Amino acid sequence: MSDSPTIAQKGPFPVEVTEGKNYFWCACGQSKRQPFCDGSHKGTGFEPVKYTADSTKKVFFCGCKHSAKPPLCDGSHSKL
């Protein structure tokens, strides 16, 4: 088990979200359905992060998995 997540990509994933819908962001970086969880975290110590859209809009989910504000991008990828 690694203490650090796998970097899925060094940049955010822009996603159109729907108000009231739940999204489960992959925190481990192993999912084949980035930026969302596909269960690949099992046995890693990582858990997906639930995000509920407060409105219908485009949001930027973290791709590097190092954001201080998961599941959304905070620009941390620029320091990797």
C-alpha atoms as a PDB file:
ATOM      1  CA  MET A   1       0.000   0.000   0.000  1.00  0.00           C
ATOM      2  CA  SER A   2       1.330   3.399  -0.993  1.00  0.00           C
ATOM      3  CA  ASP A   3       0.939   6.518   1.148  1.00  0.00           C
ATOM      4  CA  SER A   4       0.753   8.694  -1.969  1.00  0.00           C
ATOM      5  CA  PRO A   5      -1.918   8.527  -4.630  1.00  0.00           C
ATOM      6  CA  THR A   6      -1.076   7.829  -8.260  1.00  0.00           C
ATOM      7  CA  ILE A   7      -1.109  10.974 -10.393  1.00  0.00           C
ATOM      8  CA  ALA A   8      -3.841  10.369 -12.988  1.00  0.00           C
ATOM      9  CA  GLN A   9      -2.902  13.510 -14.929  1.00  0.00           C
ATOM     10  CA  LYS A  10      -1.103  16.792 -14.203  1.00  0.00           C
ATOM     11  CA  GLY A  11      -4.156  18.952 -14.688  1.00  0.00           C
ATOM     12  CA  PRO A  12      -7.828  19.073 -13.768  1.00  0.00           C
ATOM     13  CA  PHE A  13     -10.697  17.120 -15.307  1.00  0.00           C
ATOM     14  CA  PRO A  14     -13.404  19.562 -16.472  1.00  0.00           C
ATOM     15  CA  VAL A  15     -16.833  17.969 -15.926  1.00  0.00           C
ATOM     16  CA  GLU A  16     -20.369  19.263 -16.435  1.00  0.00           C
ATOM     17  CA  VAL A  17     -22.189  18.342 -13.222  1.00  0.00           C
ATOM     18  CA  THR A  18     -25.938  18.272 -12.591  1.00  0.00           C
ATOM     19  CA  GLU A  19     -27.501  20.006  -9.585  1.00  0.00           C
ATOM     20  CA  GLY A  20     -28.309  17.567  -6.774  1.00  0.00           C
ATOM     21  CA  LYS A  21     -26.373  14.651  -8.306  1.00  0.00           C
ATOM     22  CA  ASN A  22     -23.690  12.840  -6.320  1.00  0.00           C
ATOM     23  CA  TYR A  23     -20.265  12.162  -7.819  1.00  0.00           C
ATOM     24  CA  PHE A  24     -17.569   9.971  -6.269  1.00  0.00           C
ATOM     25  CA  TRP A  25     -14.101  11.311  -7.050  1.00  0.00           C
ATOM     26  CA  CYS A  26     -11.214   8.843  -7.244  1.00  0.00           C
ATOM     27  CA  ALA A  27      -8.690   9.709  -4.524  1.00  0.00           C
ATOM     28  CA  CYS A  28      -6.214   6.887  -5.220  1.00  0.00           C
ATOM     29  CA  GLY A  29      -5.561   7.675  -8.890  1.00  0.00           C
ATOM     30  CA  GLN A  30      -5.991   4.025  -9.968  1.00  0.00           C
ATOM     31  CA  SER A  31      -9.509   4.259 -11.438  1.00  0.00           C
ATOM     32  CA  LYS A  32      -9.947   3.594 -15.154  1.00  0.00           C
ATOM     33  CA  ARG A  33     -12.948   5.990 -15.077  1.00  0.00           C
ATOM     34  CA  GLN A  34     -11.065   9.177 -14.081  1.00  0.00           C
ATOM     35  CA  PRO A  35     -11.867  11.404 -12.368  1.00  0.00           C
ATOM     36  CA  PHE A  36     -14.442   9.084 -10.813  1.00  0.00           C
ATOM     37  CA  CYS A  37     -14.091   5.984  -8.652  1.00  0.00           C
ATOM     38  CA  ASP A  38     -14.390   2.500 -10.162  1.00  0.00           C
ATOM     39  CA  GLY A  39     -13.471   0.577  -6.993  1.00  0.00           C
ATOM     40  CA  SER A  40      -9.754   0.271  -7.797  1.00  0.00           C
ATOM     41  CA  HIS A  41      -8.894   1.705  -4.352  1.00  0.00           C
ATOM     42  CA  LYS A  42      -9.850  -1.512  -2.548  1.00  0.00           C
ATOM     43  CA  GLY A  43      -6.971  -2.543  -0.316  1.00  0.00           C
ATOM     44  CA  THR A  44      -5.086   0.744  -0.743  1.00  0.00           C
ATOM     45  CA  GLY A  45      -6.269   2.719   2.291  1.00  0.00           C
ATOM     46  CA  PHE A  46      -7.816   5.358   0.006  1.00  0.00           C
ATOM     47  CA  GLU A  47     -11.541   6.078  -0.199  1.00  0.00           C
ATOM     48  CA  PRO A  48     -13.487   8.015  -2.844  1.00  0.00           C
ATOM     49  CA  VAL A  49     -14.642  11.536  -1.992  1.00  0.00           C
ATOM     50  CA  LYS A  50     -18.339  12.296  -2.400  1.00  0.00           C
ATOM     51  CA  TYR A  51     -19.201  15.528  -4.202  1.00  0.00           C
ATOM     52  CA  THR A  52     -22.800  16.753  -4.436  1.00  0.00           C
ATOM     53  CA  ALA A  53     -23.350  19.382  -7.123  1.00  0.00           C
ATOM     54  CA  ASP A  54     -24.956  22.525  -5.707  1.00  0.00           C
ATOM     55  CA  SER A  55     -25.884  23.685  -9.211  1.00  0.00           C
ATOM     56  CA  THR A  56     -25.608  22.571 -12.816  1.00  0.00           C
ATOM     57  CA  LYS A  57     -22.257  23.878 -14.043  1.00  0.00           C
ATOM     58  CA  LYS A  58     -18.733  22.945 -15.102  1.00  0.00           C
ATOM     59  CA  VAL A  59     -16.390  22.061 -12.248  1.00  0.00           C
ATOM     60  CA  PHE A  60     -12.737  21.050 -12.325  1.00  0.00           C
ATOM     61  CA  PHE A  61     -12.007  17.801 -10.489  1.00  0.00           C
ATOM     62  CA  CYS A  62      -8.407  17.315  -9.355  1.00  0.00           C
ATOM     63  CA  GLY A  63      -6.402  15.066 -11.665  1.00  0.00           C
ATOM     64  CA  CYS A  64      -3.109  14.971  -9.760  1.00  0.00           C
ATOM     65  CA  LYS A  65      -4.798  13.721  -6.548  1.00  0.00           C
ATOM     66  CA  HIS A  66      -2.773  16.171  -4.433  1.00  0.00           C
ATOM     67  CA  SER A  67      -5.321  19.001  -4.047  1.00  0.00           C
ATOM     68  CA  ALA A  68      -5.718  20.509  -0.570  1.00  0.00           C
ATOM     69  CA  LYS A  69      -9.411  20.971  -1.453  1.00  0.00           C
ATOM     70  CA  PRO A  70     -10.452  17.551  -2.760  1.00  0.00           C
ATOM     71  CA  PRO A  71     -12.223  16.678  -4.930  1.00  0.00           C
ATOM     72  CA  LEU A  72     -11.734  19.976  -6.747  1.00  0.00           C
ATOM     73  CA  CYS A  73      -8.542  21.283  -8.332  1.00  0.00           C
ATOM     74  CA  ASP A  74      -6.619  23.923  -6.366  1.00  0.00           C
ATOM     75  CA  GLY A  75      -3.649  24.215  -8.724  1.00  0.00           C
ATOM     76  CA  SER A  76      -1.437  21.761  -6.792  1.00  0.00           C
ATOM     77  CA  HIS A  77      -0.519  20.048 -10.084  1.00  0.00           C
ATOM     78  CA  SER A  78       1.605  23.064 -11.000  1.00  0.00           C
ATOM     79  CA  LYS A  79       3.964  22.244  -8.110  1.00  0.00           C
ATOM     80  CA  LEU A  80       4.482  18.567  -8.986  1.00  0.00           C
END
